[in-house]
PDB file of N, CA and C in Angstrom:
ATOM      1  N   MET A   1    -108.429  -7.612 -79.691  1.00  0.00           N
ATOM      2  CA  MET A   1    -108.429  -8.845 -78.944  1.00  0.00           C
ATOM      3  C   MET A   1    -109.057  -9.976 -79.736  1.00  0.00           C
ATOM      4  N   ALA A   2    -109.814  -9.631 -80.741  1.00  0.00           N
ATOM      5  CA  ALA A   2    -110.497 -10.647 -81.549  1.00  0.00           C
ATOM      6  C   ALA A   2    -109.600 -11.198 -82.651  1.00  0.00           C
ATOM      7  N   GLY A   3    -108.345 -10.759 -82.705  1.00  0.00           N
ATOM      8  CA  GLY A   3    -107.422 -11.280 -83.705  1.00  0.00           C
ATOM      9  C   GLY A   3    -107.343 -10.449 -84.973  1.00  0.00           C
ATOM     10  N   ASP A   4    -107.812  -9.227 -84.932  1.00  0.00           N
ATOM     11  CA  ASP A   4    -107.765  -8.332 -86.096  1.00  0.00           C
ATOM     12  C   ASP A   4    -106.316  -7.905 -86.336  1.00  0.00           C
ATOM     13  N   LEU A   5    -105.729  -8.367 -87.431  1.00  0.00           N
ATOM     14  CA  LEU A   5    -104.323  -8.086 -87.718  1.00  0.00           C
ATOM     15  C   LEU A   5    -104.065  -6.601 -87.941  1.00  0.00           C
ATOM     16  N   ASP A   6    -105.034  -5.899 -88.533  1.00  0.00           N
ATOM     17  CA  ASP A   6    -104.863  -4.451 -88.730  1.00  0.00           C
ATOM     18  C   ASP A   6    -104.795  -3.727 -87.390  1.00  0.00           C
ATOM     19  N   ALA A   7    -105.604  -4.163 -86.443  1.00  0.00           N
ATOM     20  CA  ALA A   7    -105.601  -3.544 -85.116  1.00  0.00           C
ATOM     21  C   ALA A   7    -104.277  -3.797 -84.406  1.00  0.00           C
ATOM     22  N   ILE A   8    -103.751  -5.004 -84.539  1.00  0.00           N
ATOM     23  CA  ILE A   8    -102.459  -5.327 -83.925  1.00  0.00           C
ATOM     24  C   ILE A   8    -101.352  -4.488 -84.554  1.00  0.00           C
ATOM     25  N   GLU A   9    -101.391  -4.366 -85.862  1.00  0.00           N
ATOM     26  CA  GLU A   9    -100.396  -3.550 -86.559  1.00  0.00           C
ATOM     27  C   GLU A   9    -100.482  -2.092 -86.107  1.00  0.00           C
ATOM     28  N   THR A  10    -101.686  -1.593 -85.915  1.00  0.00           N
ATOM     29  CA  THR A  10    -101.882  -0.226 -85.445  1.00  0.00           C
ATOM     30  C   THR A  10    -101.314  -0.051 -84.042  1.00  0.00           C
ATOM     31  N   LEU A  11    -101.575  -1.020 -83.167  1.00  0.00           N
ATOM     32  CA  LEU A  11    -101.052  -0.946 -81.798  1.00  0.00           C
ATOM     33  C   LEU A  11     -99.524  -0.919 -81.800  1.00  0.00           C
ATOM     34  N   ILE A  12     -98.927  -1.802 -82.580  1.00  0.00           N
ATOM     35  CA  ILE A  12     -97.472  -1.866 -82.628  1.00  0.00           C
ATOM     36  C   ILE A  12     -96.896  -0.564 -83.175  1.00  0.00           C
ATOM     37  N   SER A  13     -97.440  -0.082 -84.276  1.00  0.00           N
ATOM     38  CA  SER A  13     -96.892   1.140 -84.870  1.00  0.00           C
ATOM     39  C   SER A  13     -97.105   2.352 -83.964  1.00  0.00           C
ATOM     40  N   ARG A  14     -98.189   2.356 -83.212  1.00  0.00           N
ATOM     41  CA  ARG A  14     -98.482   3.484 -82.325  1.00  0.00           C
ATOM     42  C   ARG A  14     -97.511   3.540 -81.138  1.00  0.00           C
ATOM     43  N   HIS A  15     -97.075   2.379 -80.657  1.00  0.00           N
ATOM     44  CA  HIS A  15     -96.277   2.327 -79.432  1.00  0.00           C
ATOM     45  C   HIS A  15     -94.826   1.901 -79.633  1.00  0.00           C
ATOM     46  N   LYS A  16     -94.446   1.564 -80.858  1.00  0.00           N
ATOM     47  CA  LYS A  16     -93.117   0.990 -81.088  1.00  0.00           C
ATOM     48  C   LYS A  16     -91.978   1.928 -80.715  1.00  0.00           C
ATOM     49  N   ASP A  17     -92.085   3.191 -81.038  1.00  0.00           N
ATOM     50  CA  ASP A  17     -90.990   4.125 -80.740  1.00  0.00           C
ATOM     51  C   ASP A  17     -90.747   4.253 -79.240  1.00  0.00           C
ATOM     52  N   LYS A  18     -91.808   4.425 -78.496  1.00  0.00           N
ATOM     53  CA  LYS A  18     -91.691   4.585 -77.045  1.00  0.00           C
ATOM     54  C   LYS A  18     -91.122   3.320 -76.405  1.00  0.00           C
ATOM     55  N   VAL A  19     -91.627   2.165 -76.816  1.00  0.00           N
ATOM     56  CA  VAL A  19     -91.186   0.897 -76.238  1.00  0.00           C
ATOM     57  C   VAL A  19     -89.736   0.613 -76.619  1.00  0.00           C
ATOM     58  N   PHE A  20     -89.408   0.771 -77.901  1.00  0.00           N
ATOM     59  CA  PHE A  20     -88.041   0.493 -78.335  1.00  0.00           C
ATOM     60  C   PHE A  20     -87.049   1.448 -77.673  1.00  0.00           C
ATOM     61  N   THR A  21     -87.403   2.707 -77.553  1.00  0.00           N
ATOM     62  CA  THR A  21     -86.529   3.686 -76.900  1.00  0.00           C
ATOM     63  C   THR A  21     -86.263   3.283 -75.458  1.00  0.00           C
ATOM     64  N   TYR A  22     -87.304   2.847 -74.752  1.00  0.00           N
ATOM     65  CA  TYR A  22     -87.126   2.400 -73.361  1.00  0.00           C
ATOM     66  C   TYR A  22     -86.182   1.202 -73.303  1.00  0.00           C
ATOM     67  N   ILE A  23     -86.428   0.211 -74.145  1.00  0.00           N
ATOM     68  CA  ILE A  23     -85.600  -0.998 -74.144  1.00  0.00           C
ATOM     69  C   ILE A  23     -84.144  -0.631 -74.452  1.00  0.00           C
ATOM     70  N   MET A  24     -83.936   0.178 -75.462  1.00  0.00           N
ATOM     71  CA  MET A  24     -82.581   0.582 -75.859  1.00  0.00           C
ATOM     72  C   MET A  24     -81.892   1.350 -74.740  1.00  0.00           C
ATOM     73  N   PHE A  25     -82.621   2.200 -74.042  1.00  0.00           N
ATOM     74  CA  PHE A  25     -82.069   2.959 -72.928  1.00  0.00           C
ATOM     75  C   PHE A  25     -81.548   2.030 -71.833  1.00  0.00           C
ATOM     76  N   VAL A  26     -82.268   0.936 -71.599  1.00  0.00           N
ATOM     77  CA  VAL A  26     -81.890   0.015 -70.531  1.00  0.00           C
ATOM     78  C   VAL A  26     -80.766  -0.923 -70.961  1.00  0.00           C
ATOM     79  N   VAL A  27     -80.885  -1.541 -72.133  1.00  0.00           N
ATOM     80  CA  VAL A  27     -79.915  -2.582 -72.515  1.00  0.00           C
ATOM     81  C   VAL A  27     -78.686  -2.042 -73.239  1.00  0.00           C
ATOM     82  N   LYS A  28     -78.814  -0.897 -73.885  1.00  0.00           N
ATOM     83  CA  LYS A  28     -77.692  -0.250 -74.585  1.00  0.00           C
ATOM     84  C   LYS A  28     -77.001  -1.163 -75.604  1.00  0.00           C
ATOM     85  N   ASN A  29     -77.792  -2.008 -76.253  1.00  0.00           N
ATOM     86  CA  ASN A  29     -77.284  -2.915 -77.285  1.00  0.00           C
ATOM     87  C   ASN A  29     -78.401  -3.082 -78.300  1.00  0.00           C
ATOM     88  N   GLU A  30     -78.177  -2.624 -79.530  1.00  0.00           N
ATOM     89  CA  GLU A  30     -79.257  -2.596 -80.515  1.00  0.00           C
ATOM     90  C   GLU A  30     -79.789  -3.980 -80.865  1.00  0.00           C
ATOM     91  N   ALA A  31     -78.914  -4.954 -81.028  1.00  0.00           N
ATOM     92  CA  ALA A  31     -79.361  -6.308 -81.369  1.00  0.00           C
ATOM     93  C   ALA A  31     -80.205  -6.902 -80.246  1.00  0.00           C
ATOM     94  N   LEU A  32     -79.754  -6.725 -79.012  1.00  0.00           N
ATOM     95  CA  LEU A  32     -80.517  -7.221 -77.866  1.00  0.00           C
ATOM     96  C   LEU A  32     -81.838  -6.467 -77.749  1.00  0.00           C
ATOM     97  N   ALA A  33     -81.817  -5.161 -77.984  1.00  0.00           N
ATOM     98  CA  ALA A  33     -83.035  -4.359 -77.914  1.00  0.00           C
ATOM     99  C   ALA A  33     -84.060  -4.840 -78.940  1.00  0.00           C
ATOM    100  N   GLU A  34     -83.602  -5.164 -80.137  1.00  0.00           N
ATOM    101  CA  GLU A  34     -84.511  -5.666 -81.167  1.00  0.00           C
ATOM    102  C   GLU A  34     -85.121  -7.005 -80.770  1.00  0.00           C
ATOM    103  N   ASP A  35     -84.303  -7.883 -80.174  1.00  0.00           N
ATOM    104  CA  ASP A  35     -84.817  -9.178 -79.713  1.00  0.00           C
ATOM    105  C   ASP A  35     -85.858  -9.006 -78.611  1.00  0.00           C
ATOM    106  N   VAL A  36     -85.549  -8.160 -77.639  1.00  0.00           N
ATOM    107  CA  VAL A  36     -86.486  -7.921 -76.536  1.00  0.00           C
ATOM    108  C   VAL A  36     -87.757  -7.270 -77.064  1.00  0.00           C
ATOM    109  N   PHE A  37     -87.616  -6.333 -77.990  1.00  0.00           N
ATOM    110  CA  PHE A  37     -88.774  -5.664 -78.584  1.00  0.00           C
ATOM    111  C   PHE A  37     -89.695  -6.680 -79.258  1.00  0.00           C
ATOM    112  N   GLN A  38     -89.103  -7.570 -80.048  1.00  0.00           N
ATOM    113  CA  GLN A  38     -89.893  -8.595 -80.732  1.00  0.00           C
ATOM    114  C   GLN A  38     -90.567  -9.523 -79.727  1.00  0.00           C
ATOM    115  N   ASP A  39     -89.818  -9.975 -78.727  1.00  0.00           N
ATOM    116  CA  ASP A  39     -90.394 -10.852 -77.698  1.00  0.00           C
ATOM    117  C   ASP A  39     -91.515 -10.146 -76.937  1.00  0.00           C
ATOM    118  N   THR A  40     -91.341  -8.845 -76.724  1.00  0.00           N
ATOM    119  CA  THR A  40     -92.362  -8.064 -76.011  1.00  0.00           C
ATOM    120  C   THR A  40     -93.683  -8.092 -76.772  1.00  0.00           C
ATOM    121  N   PHE A  41     -93.639  -7.814 -78.064  1.00  0.00           N
ATOM    122  CA  PHE A  41     -94.892  -7.757 -78.807  1.00  0.00           C
ATOM    123  C   PHE A  41     -95.480  -9.135 -79.073  1.00  0.00           C
ATOM    124  N   ILE A  42     -94.655 -10.164 -79.105  1.00  0.00           N
ATOM    125  CA  ILE A  42     -95.200 -11.529 -79.172  1.00  0.00           C
ATOM    126  C   ILE A  42     -95.978 -11.814 -77.897  1.00  0.00           C
ATOM    127  N   LYS A  43     -95.393 -11.434 -76.760  1.00  0.00           N
ATOM    128  CA  LYS A  43     -96.066 -11.646 -75.477  1.00  0.00           C
ATOM    129  C   LYS A  43     -97.330 -10.785 -75.371  1.00  0.00           C
ATOM    130  N   VAL A  44     -97.271  -9.554 -75.866  1.00  0.00           N
ATOM    131  CA  VAL A  44     -98.439  -8.665 -75.853  1.00  0.00           C
ATOM    132  C   VAL A  44     -99.579  -9.284 -76.668  1.00  0.00           C
ATOM    133  N   ILE A  45     -99.264  -9.747 -77.871  1.00  0.00           N
ATOM    134  CA  ILE A  45    -100.289 -10.332 -78.742  1.00  0.00           C
ATOM    135  C   ILE A  45    -100.899 -11.572 -78.089  1.00  0.00           C
ATOM    136  N   ASN A  46    -100.041 -12.435 -77.541  1.00  0.00           N
ATOM    137  CA  ASN A  46    -100.550 -13.641 -76.873  1.00  0.00           C
ATOM    138  C   ASN A  46    -101.401 -13.292 -75.661  1.00  0.00           C
ATOM    139  N   SER A  47    -100.984 -12.293 -74.903  1.00  0.00           N
ATOM    140  CA  SER A  47    -101.760 -11.869 -73.731  1.00  0.00           C
ATOM    141  C   SER A  47    -103.101 -11.281 -74.133  1.00  0.00           C
ATOM    142  N   LEU A  48    -103.114 -10.500 -75.203  1.00  0.00           N
ATOM    143  CA  LEU A  48    -104.380  -9.933 -75.681  1.00  0.00           C
ATOM    144  C   LEU A  48    -105.331 -11.037 -76.128  1.00  0.00           C
ATOM    145  N   LYS A  49    -104.799 -12.044 -76.818  1.00  0.00           N
ATOM    146  CA  LYS A  49    -105.637 -13.153 -77.282  1.00  0.00           C
ATOM    147  C   LYS A  49    -106.244 -13.918 -76.115  1.00  0.00           C
ATOM    148  N   ARG A  50    -105.512 -14.010 -75.000  1.00  0.00           N
ATOM    149  CA  ARG A  50    -106.012 -14.719 -73.820  1.00  0.00           C
ATOM    150  C   ARG A  50    -106.850 -13.826 -72.915  1.00  0.00           C
ATOM    151  N   GLY A  51    -107.012 -12.558 -73.285  1.00  0.00           N
ATOM    152  CA  GLY A  51    -107.834 -11.641 -72.495  1.00  0.00           C
ATOM    153  C   GLY A  51    -107.169 -11.186 -71.209  1.00  0.00           C
ATOM    154  N   LYS A  52    -105.844 -11.126 -71.203  1.00  0.00           N
ATOM    155  CA  LYS A  52    -105.098 -10.782 -69.990  1.00  0.00           C
ATOM    156  C   LYS A  52    -104.942  -9.276 -69.776  1.00  0.00           C
ATOM    157  N   TYR A  53    -105.338  -8.466 -70.743  1.00  0.00           N
ATOM    158  CA  TYR A  53    -105.174  -7.018 -70.612  1.00  0.00           C
ATOM    159  C   TYR A  53    -106.411  -6.406 -69.983  1.00  0.00           C
ATOM    160  N   ASN A  54    -106.193  -5.593 -68.949  1.00  0.00           N
ATOM    161  CA  ASN A  54    -107.259  -4.861 -68.288  1.00  0.00           C
ATOM    162  C   ASN A  54    -107.365  -3.498 -68.970  1.00  0.00           C
ATOM    163  N   GLU A  55    -108.461  -3.243 -69.654  1.00  0.00           N
ATOM    164  CA  GLU A  55    -108.600  -2.022 -70.459  1.00  0.00           C
ATOM    165  C   GLU A  55    -108.611  -0.741 -69.643  1.00  0.00           C
ATOM    166  N   GLN A  56    -108.672  -0.838 -68.331  1.00  0.00           N
ATOM    167  CA  GLN A  56    -108.674   0.369 -67.519  1.00  0.00           C
ATOM    168  C   GLN A  56    -107.262   0.918 -67.315  1.00  0.00           C
ATOM    169  N   GLY A  57    -106.256   0.116 -67.628  1.00  0.00           N
ATOM    170  CA  GLY A  57    -104.873   0.567 -67.492  1.00  0.00           C
ATOM    171  C   GLY A  57    -104.421   1.304 -68.744  1.00  0.00           C
ATOM    172  N   VAL A  58    -103.240   1.861 -68.677  1.00  0.00           N
ATOM    173  CA  VAL A  58    -102.659   2.542 -69.823  1.00  0.00           C
ATOM    174  C   VAL A  58    -101.897   1.496 -70.628  1.00  0.00           C
ATOM    175  N   PHE A  59    -102.256   1.348 -71.902  1.00  0.00           N
ATOM    176  CA  PHE A  59    -101.699   0.290 -72.731  1.00  0.00           C
ATOM    177  C   PHE A  59    -100.180   0.389 -72.825  1.00  0.00           C
ATOM    178  N   SER A  60     -99.654   1.581 -73.087  1.00  0.00           N
ATOM    179  CA  SER A  60     -98.199   1.715 -73.258  1.00  0.00           C
ATOM    180  C   SER A  60     -97.453   1.356 -71.974  1.00  0.00           C
ATOM    181  N   SER A  61     -97.999   1.701 -70.830  1.00  0.00           N
ATOM    182  CA  SER A  61     -97.368   1.337 -69.552  1.00  0.00           C
ATOM    183  C   SER A  61     -97.344  -0.172 -69.368  1.00  0.00           C
ATOM    184  N   TRP A  62     -98.420  -0.819 -69.768  1.00  0.00           N
ATOM    185  CA  TRP A  62     -98.508  -2.280 -69.679  1.00  0.00           C
ATOM    186  C   TRP A  62     -97.458  -2.927 -70.583  1.00  0.00           C
ATOM    187  N   VAL A  63     -97.316  -2.421 -71.794  1.00  0.00           N
ATOM    188  CA  VAL A  63     -96.337  -2.969 -72.739  1.00  0.00           C
ATOM    189  C   VAL A  63     -94.918  -2.737 -72.217  1.00  0.00           C
ATOM    190  N   ILE A  64     -94.644  -1.570 -71.690  1.00  0.00           N
ATOM    191  CA  ILE A  64     -93.309  -1.286 -71.159  1.00  0.00           C
ATOM    192  C   ILE A  64     -93.012  -2.168 -69.948  1.00  0.00           C
ATOM    193  N   ARG A  65     -94.006  -2.454 -69.138  1.00  0.00           N
ATOM    194  CA  ARG A  65     -93.812  -3.363 -68.000  1.00  0.00           C
ATOM    195  C   ARG A  65     -93.446  -4.759 -68.507  1.00  0.00           C
ATOM    196  N   ILE A  66     -94.089  -5.217 -69.551  1.00  0.00           N
ATOM    197  CA  ILE A  66     -93.753  -6.518 -70.149  1.00  0.00           C
ATOM    198  C   ILE A  66     -92.315  -6.491 -70.653  1.00  0.00           C
ATOM    199  N   ALA A  67     -91.931  -5.427 -71.343  1.00  0.00           N
ATOM    200  CA  ALA A  67     -90.553  -5.294 -71.844  1.00  0.00           C
ATOM    201  C   ALA A  67     -89.566  -5.299 -70.680  1.00  0.00           C
ATOM    202  N   HIS A  68     -89.873  -4.569 -69.641  1.00  0.00           N
ATOM    203  CA  HIS A  68     -89.009  -4.492 -68.463  1.00  0.00           C
ATOM    204  C   HIS A  68     -88.802  -5.881 -67.860  1.00  0.00           C
ATOM    205  N   ASN A  69     -89.882  -6.629 -67.713  1.00  0.00           N
ATOM    206  CA  ASN A  69     -89.781  -7.970 -67.155  1.00  0.00           C
ATOM    207  C   ASN A  69     -88.957  -8.887 -68.053  1.00  0.00           C
ATOM    208  N   LEU A  70     -89.085  -8.748 -69.358  1.00  0.00           N
ATOM    209  CA  LEU A  70     -88.285  -9.559 -70.281  1.00  0.00           C
ATOM    210  C   LEU A  70     -86.802  -9.195 -70.201  1.00  0.00           C
ATOM    211  N   ILE A  71     -86.509  -7.924 -69.994  1.00  0.00           N
ATOM    212  CA  ILE A  71     -85.115  -7.497 -69.816  1.00  0.00           C
ATOM    213  C   ILE A  71     -84.538  -8.125 -68.547  1.00  0.00           C
ATOM    214  N   ILE A  72     -85.304  -8.078 -67.478  1.00  0.00           N
ATOM    215  CA  ILE A  72     -84.859  -8.697 -66.223  1.00  0.00           C
ATOM    216  C   ILE A  72     -84.621 -10.189 -66.431  1.00  0.00           C
ATOM    217  N   ASP A  73     -85.546 -10.858 -67.103  1.00  0.00           N
ATOM    218  CA  ASP A  73     -85.386 -12.285 -67.383  1.00  0.00           C
ATOM    219  C   ASP A  73     -84.109 -12.549 -68.175  1.00  0.00           C
ATOM    220  N   HIS A  74     -83.837 -11.713 -69.164  1.00  0.00           N
ATOM    221  CA  HIS A  74     -82.631 -11.876 -69.972  1.00  0.00           C
ATOM    222  C   HIS A  74     -81.372 -11.802 -69.107  1.00  0.00           C
ATOM    223  N   TYR A  75     -81.299 -10.791 -68.240  1.00  0.00           N
ATOM    224  CA  TYR A  75     -80.108 -10.626 -67.415  1.00  0.00           C
ATOM    225  C   TYR A  75     -79.988 -11.739 -66.364  1.00  0.00           C
ATOM    226  N   ARG A  76     -81.101 -12.230 -65.871  1.00  0.00           N
ATOM    227  CA  ARG A  76     -81.049 -13.375 -64.945  1.00  0.00           C
ATOM    228  C   ARG A  76     -80.485 -14.604 -65.644  1.00  0.00           C
ATOM    229  N   LYS A  77     -80.952 -14.872 -66.855  1.00  0.00           N
ATOM    230  CA  LYS A  77     -80.446 -16.007 -67.618  1.00  0.00           C
ATOM    231  C   LYS A  77     -78.971 -15.827 -67.940  1.00  0.00           C
ATOM    232  N   SER A  78     -78.580 -14.624 -68.302  1.00  0.00           N
ATOM    233  CA  SER A  78     -77.174 -14.349 -68.619  1.00  0.00           C
ATOM    234  C   SER A  78     -76.290 -14.584 -67.408  1.00  0.00           C
ATOM    235  N   LYS A  79     -76.778 -14.157 -66.259  1.00  0.00           N
ATOM    236  CA  LYS A  79     -76.017 -14.337 -65.028  1.00  0.00           C
ATOM    237  C   LYS A  79     -75.856 -15.813 -64.692  1.00  0.00           C
ATOM    238  N   LYS A  80     -76.921 -16.593 -64.861  1.00  0.00           N
ATOM    239  CA  LYS A  80     -76.840 -18.040 -64.624  1.00  0.00           C
ATOM    240  C   LYS A  80     -75.880 -18.694 -65.587  1.00  0.00           C
ATOM    241  N   ASN A  81     -75.958 -18.320 -66.863  1.00  0.00           N
ATOM    242  CA  ASN A  81     -75.070 -18.900 -67.867  1.00  0.00           C
ATOM    243  C   ASN A  81     -73.618 -18.543 -67.591  1.00  0.00           C
ATOM    244  N   ALA A  82     -73.345 -17.332 -67.147  1.00  0.00           N
ATOM    245  CA  ALA A  82     -71.980 -16.926 -66.831  1.00  0.00           C
ATOM    246  C   ALA A  82     -71.453 -17.735 -65.657  1.00  0.00           C
ATOM    247  N   TYR A  83     -72.315 -18.027 -64.705  1.00  0.00           N
ATOM    248  CA  TYR A  83     -71.921 -18.812 -63.532  1.00  0.00           C
ATOM    249  C   TYR A  83     -71.536 -20.225 -63.945  1.00  0.00           C
ATOM    250  N   PHE A  84     -72.301 -20.820 -64.852  1.00  0.00           N
ATOM    251  CA  PHE A  84     -72.016 -22.182 -65.284  1.00  0.00           C
ATOM    252  C   PHE A  84     -70.812 -22.280 -66.207  1.00  0.00           C
ATOM    253  N   LEU A  85     -70.488 -21.187 -66.884  1.00  0.00           N
ATOM    254  CA  LEU A  85     -69.346 -21.200 -67.792  1.00  0.00           C
ATOM    255  C   LEU A  85     -68.013 -21.047 -67.074  1.00  0.00           C
ATOM    256  N   GLU A  86     -68.050 -20.568 -65.861  1.00  0.00           N
ATOM    257  CA  GLU A  86     -66.801 -20.336 -65.114  1.00  0.00           C
ATOM    258  C   GLU A  86     -66.168 -21.603 -64.637  1.00  0.00           C
TER     259      GLU A  86
END
């Protein structure tokens, strides 16, 4: 939380497989999964810097919840864009 880049790298490498697998399972598109994965960890890093993480929770569950919400946001935006394109 103090901005230690090695610690952030460790967190990402420790949880990347589980998070990416979840995202890929839901979106079934590798390019989209990579985008959501990147956005997820940007949001995780920003949230950690702002002290938004409650250490009593399970970190991987928190990260997957962030990814899940970003996936939902993506599909909501896609649905709106499809509506306007018609």
